Amino acid sequence: MHDLVEYIAKALVDQPEAVEVRTVEGDRSILCELKVSPDDIGKVIGRQGRIARAIRTIAKTAGSRTGKLIHVEIIE
């Protein structure tokens, strides 16, 4: 899951070297914290959160094979 979120984020931003993904795995869920450059935060969130919602949907769909809930948080 870490690699998928990182790949998508790096494709969207202008400074891919600033992308960091931290994964915290629990019993029934996985939390992916996505951190990007402050200049690129708007590109990851998108208009009205559409891109962020799409990233979360892709992550949840890919995570359905593991049987765990996937949460993607975008932090500064």
N, C-alpha and C. Protein backbone atom coordinates (compact mmCIF):
# COMPACT_ATOMS: atom_id res chain seq x y z
N MET A 1 0.82 -1.18 0.00
CA MET A 1 0.00 0.00 0.00
C MET A 1 0.88 1.26 0.00
N HIS A 2 1.94 1.20 0.75
CA HIS A 2 2.90 2.31 0.84
C HIS A 2 3.39 2.70 -0.56
N ASP A 3 3.78 1.71 -1.34
CA ASP A 3 4.34 1.96 -2.67
C ASP A 3 3.30 2.57 -3.61
N LEU A 4 2.07 2.10 -3.52
CA LEU A 4 1.01 2.60 -4.39
C LEU A 4 0.72 4.07 -4.12
N VAL A 5 0.55 4.44 -2.86
CA VAL A 5 0.26 5.83 -2.50
C VAL A 5 1.43 6.73 -2.88
N GLU A 6 2.64 6.25 -2.65
CA GLU A 6 3.83 7.03 -3.00
C GLU A 6 3.94 7.24 -4.51
N TYR A 7 3.67 6.21 -5.28
CA TYR A 7 3.74 6.29 -6.74
C TYR A 7 2.73 7.31 -7.28
N ILE A 8 1.52 7.26 -6.78
CA ILE A 8 0.48 8.18 -7.25
C ILE A 8 0.84 9.62 -6.89
N ALA A 9 1.28 9.83 -5.65
CA ALA A 9 1.62 11.18 -5.20
C ALA A 9 2.79 11.76 -5.98
N LYS A 10 3.81 10.96 -6.24
CA LYS A 10 4.97 11.45 -6.98
C LYS A 10 4.61 11.83 -8.41
N ALA A 11 3.62 11.16 -8.98
CA ALA A 11 3.19 11.48 -10.34
C ALA A 11 2.43 12.80 -10.40
N LEU A 12 1.86 13.23 -9.28
CA LEU A 12 1.04 14.44 -9.26
C LEU A 12 1.80 15.72 -8.95
N VAL A 13 2.87 15.64 -8.18
CA VAL A 13 3.51 16.83 -7.64
C VAL A 13 4.68 17.31 -8.51
N ASP A 14 5.12 18.55 -8.24
CA ASP A 14 6.28 19.12 -8.93
C ASP A 14 7.58 18.73 -8.26
N GLN A 15 7.54 18.43 -6.97
CA GLN A 15 8.73 18.06 -6.21
C GLN A 15 8.58 16.64 -5.66
N PRO A 16 8.79 15.64 -6.51
CA PRO A 16 8.58 14.26 -6.06
C PRO A 16 9.55 13.80 -4.97
N GLU A 17 10.70 14.47 -4.86
CA GLU A 17 11.66 14.08 -3.81
C GLU A 17 11.16 14.45 -2.42
N ALA A 18 10.17 15.34 -2.32
CA ALA A 18 9.64 15.76 -1.04
C ALA A 18 8.49 14.88 -0.55
N VAL A 19 8.07 13.90 -1.36
CA VAL A 19 6.95 13.03 -0.99
C VAL A 19 7.43 12.01 0.04
N GLU A 20 6.69 11.92 1.14
CA GLU A 20 6.97 10.93 2.17
C GLU A 20 5.67 10.21 2.53
N VAL A 21 5.74 8.90 2.65
CA VAL A 21 4.58 8.12 3.05
C VAL A 21 4.98 7.29 4.26
N ARG A 22 4.22 7.44 5.32
CA ARG A 22 4.45 6.67 6.54
C ARG A 22 3.25 5.76 6.74
N THR A 23 3.49 4.48 6.95
CA THR A 23 2.42 3.51 7.09
C THR A 23 2.39 2.97 8.51
N VAL A 24 1.21 3.01 9.11
CA VAL A 24 1.00 2.45 10.44
C VAL A 24 -0.04 1.34 10.30
N GLU A 25 0.35 0.13 10.65
CA GLU A 25 -0.54 -1.01 10.47
C GLU A 25 -1.12 -1.45 11.80
N GLY A 26 -2.44 -1.59 11.84
CA GLY A 26 -3.14 -2.04 13.04
C GLY A 26 -3.71 -3.42 12.82
N ASP A 27 -4.58 -3.84 13.73
CA ASP A 27 -5.19 -5.17 13.63
C ASP A 27 -6.10 -5.29 12.42
N ARG A 28 -6.97 -4.29 12.26
CA ARG A 28 -7.94 -4.37 11.17
C ARG A 28 -7.81 -3.24 10.16
N SER A 29 -6.81 -2.38 10.32
CA SER A 29 -6.70 -1.25 9.41
C SER A 29 -5.25 -0.87 9.16
N ILE A 30 -5.06 -0.12 8.09
CA ILE A 30 -3.75 0.43 7.72
C ILE A 30 -3.94 1.92 7.51
N LEU A 31 -3.09 2.72 8.17
CA LEU A 31 -3.13 4.17 8.02
C LEU A 31 -1.90 4.60 7.23
N CYS A 32 -2.13 5.28 6.11
CA CYS A 32 -1.04 5.82 5.30
C CYS A 32 -1.07 7.34 5.44
N GLU A 33 0.00 7.89 5.98
CA GLU A 33 0.12 9.33 6.12
C GLU A 33 0.98 9.86 4.98
N LEU A 34 0.39 10.70 4.16
CA LEU A 34 1.06 11.24 2.98
C LEU A 34 1.49 12.67 3.27
N LYS A 35 2.78 12.93 3.13
CA LYS A 35 3.33 14.26 3.37
C LYS A 35 4.01 14.74 2.09
N VAL A 36 3.62 15.94 1.65
CA VAL A 36 4.20 16.54 0.45
C VAL A 36 4.66 17.95 0.77
N SER A 37 5.35 18.56 -0.16
CA SER A 37 5.81 19.93 -0.03
C SER A 37 4.59 20.86 0.10
N PRO A 38 4.71 21.93 0.90
CA PRO A 38 3.58 22.87 1.02
C PRO A 38 3.13 23.47 -0.32
N ASP A 39 4.05 23.58 -1.26
CA ASP A 39 3.69 24.10 -2.58
C ASP A 39 2.83 23.13 -3.39
N ASP A 40 2.94 21.84 -3.08
CA ASP A 40 2.24 20.80 -3.83
C ASP A 40 0.99 20.28 -3.15
N ILE A 41 0.65 20.79 -1.99
CA ILE A 41 -0.48 20.26 -1.24
C ILE A 41 -1.80 20.41 -2.03
N GLY A 42 -1.93 21.50 -2.77
CA GLY A 42 -3.14 21.71 -3.57
C GLY A 42 -3.27 20.72 -4.72
N LYS A 43 -2.14 20.29 -5.25
CA LYS A 43 -2.17 19.33 -6.35
C LYS A 43 -2.59 17.94 -5.88
N VAL A 44 -2.28 17.62 -4.65
CA VAL A 44 -2.64 16.31 -4.10
C VAL A 44 -4.10 16.31 -3.64
N ILE A 45 -4.57 17.45 -3.16
CA ILE A 45 -5.96 17.53 -2.69
C ILE A 45 -6.91 17.74 -3.86
N GLY A 46 -6.57 18.64 -4.77
CA GLY A 46 -7.41 18.88 -5.94
C GLY A 46 -8.59 19.79 -5.63
N ARG A 47 -9.32 20.12 -6.65
CA ARG A 47 -10.50 20.98 -6.48
C ARG A 47 -11.57 20.21 -5.72
N GLN A 48 -12.03 20.83 -4.64
CA GLN A 48 -13.06 20.26 -3.78
C GLN A 48 -12.69 18.86 -3.29
N GLY A 49 -11.39 18.56 -3.24
CA GLY A 49 -10.94 17.28 -2.70
C GLY A 49 -11.11 16.09 -3.62
N ARG A 50 -11.28 16.34 -4.90
CA ARG A 50 -11.54 15.24 -5.83
C ARG A 50 -10.35 14.31 -5.99
N ILE A 51 -9.14 14.85 -6.07
CA ILE A 51 -7.96 14.00 -6.25
C ILE A 51 -7.69 13.22 -4.97
N ALA A 52 -7.83 13.88 -3.82
CA ALA A 52 -7.64 13.18 -2.54
C ALA A 52 -8.65 12.04 -2.40
N ARG A 53 -9.87 12.27 -2.79
CA ARG A 53 -10.91 11.24 -2.73
C ARG A 53 -10.57 10.08 -3.68
N ALA A 54 -10.03 10.40 -4.85
CA ALA A 54 -9.64 9.37 -5.81
C ALA A 54 -8.48 8.53 -5.27
N ILE A 55 -7.50 9.18 -4.64
CA ILE A 55 -6.38 8.43 -4.05
C ILE A 55 -6.89 7.50 -2.97
N ARG A 56 -7.80 7.97 -2.13
CA ARG A 56 -8.36 7.13 -1.07
C ARG A 56 -9.15 5.96 -1.64
N THR A 57 -9.90 6.20 -2.71
CA THR A 57 -10.69 5.13 -3.33
C THR A 57 -9.79 4.06 -3.92
N ILE A 58 -8.72 4.47 -4.60
CA ILE A 58 -7.78 3.50 -5.18
C ILE A 58 -7.11 2.69 -4.08
N ALA A 59 -6.71 3.35 -3.01
CA ALA A 59 -6.05 2.66 -1.90
C ALA A 59 -7.01 1.67 -1.23
N LYS A 60 -8.26 2.08 -1.02
CA LYS A 60 -9.23 1.18 -0.40
C LYS A 60 -9.51 -0.03 -1.28
N THR A 61 -9.60 0.19 -2.57
CA THR A 61 -9.86 -0.92 -3.50
C THR A 61 -8.68 -1.89 -3.52
N ALA A 62 -7.47 -1.35 -3.56
CA ALA A 62 -6.28 -2.22 -3.56
C ALA A 62 -6.15 -2.94 -2.22
N GLY A 63 -6.55 -2.30 -1.14
CA GLY A 63 -6.46 -2.91 0.18
C GLY A 63 -7.53 -3.92 0.47
N SER A 64 -8.56 -3.98 -0.35
CA SER A 64 -9.64 -4.93 -0.10
C SER A 64 -9.16 -6.37 -0.20
N ARG A 65 -8.09 -6.59 -0.92
CA ARG A 65 -7.53 -7.94 -1.03
C ARG A 65 -6.94 -8.42 0.29
N THR A 66 -6.46 -7.48 1.11
CA THR A 66 -5.86 -7.84 2.39
C THR A 66 -6.90 -8.01 3.48
N GLY A 67 -8.10 -7.53 3.24
CA GLY A 67 -9.16 -7.63 4.23
C GLY A 67 -9.05 -6.58 5.32
N LYS A 68 -8.25 -5.55 5.10
CA LYS A 68 -8.08 -4.48 6.08
C LYS A 68 -8.63 -3.18 5.52
N LEU A 69 -9.08 -2.30 6.41
CA LEU A 69 -9.53 -0.98 6.00
C LEU A 69 -8.30 -0.10 5.78
N ILE A 70 -8.33 0.67 4.73
CA ILE A 70 -7.22 1.54 4.39
C ILE A 70 -7.66 2.98 4.57
N HIS A 71 -6.87 3.75 5.30
CA HIS A 71 -7.12 5.17 5.50
C HIS A 71 -5.90 5.94 4.99
N VAL A 72 -6.15 6.97 4.19
CA VAL A 72 -5.08 7.81 3.68
C VAL A 72 -5.30 9.21 4.23
N GLU A 73 -4.33 9.71 4.97
CA GLU A 73 -4.38 11.06 5.53
C GLU A 73 -3.32 11.91 4.85
N ILE A 74 -3.68 13.11 4.46
CA ILE A 74 -2.73 14.03 3.85
C ILE A 74 -2.35 15.04 4.92
N ILE A 75 -1.06 15.09 5.25
CA ILE A 75 -0.61 15.99 6.30
C ILE A 75 0.41 16.97 5.74
N GLU A 76 0.58 18.08 6.44
CA GLU A 76 1.56 19.08 5.99
C GLU A 76 2.89 18.86 6.66
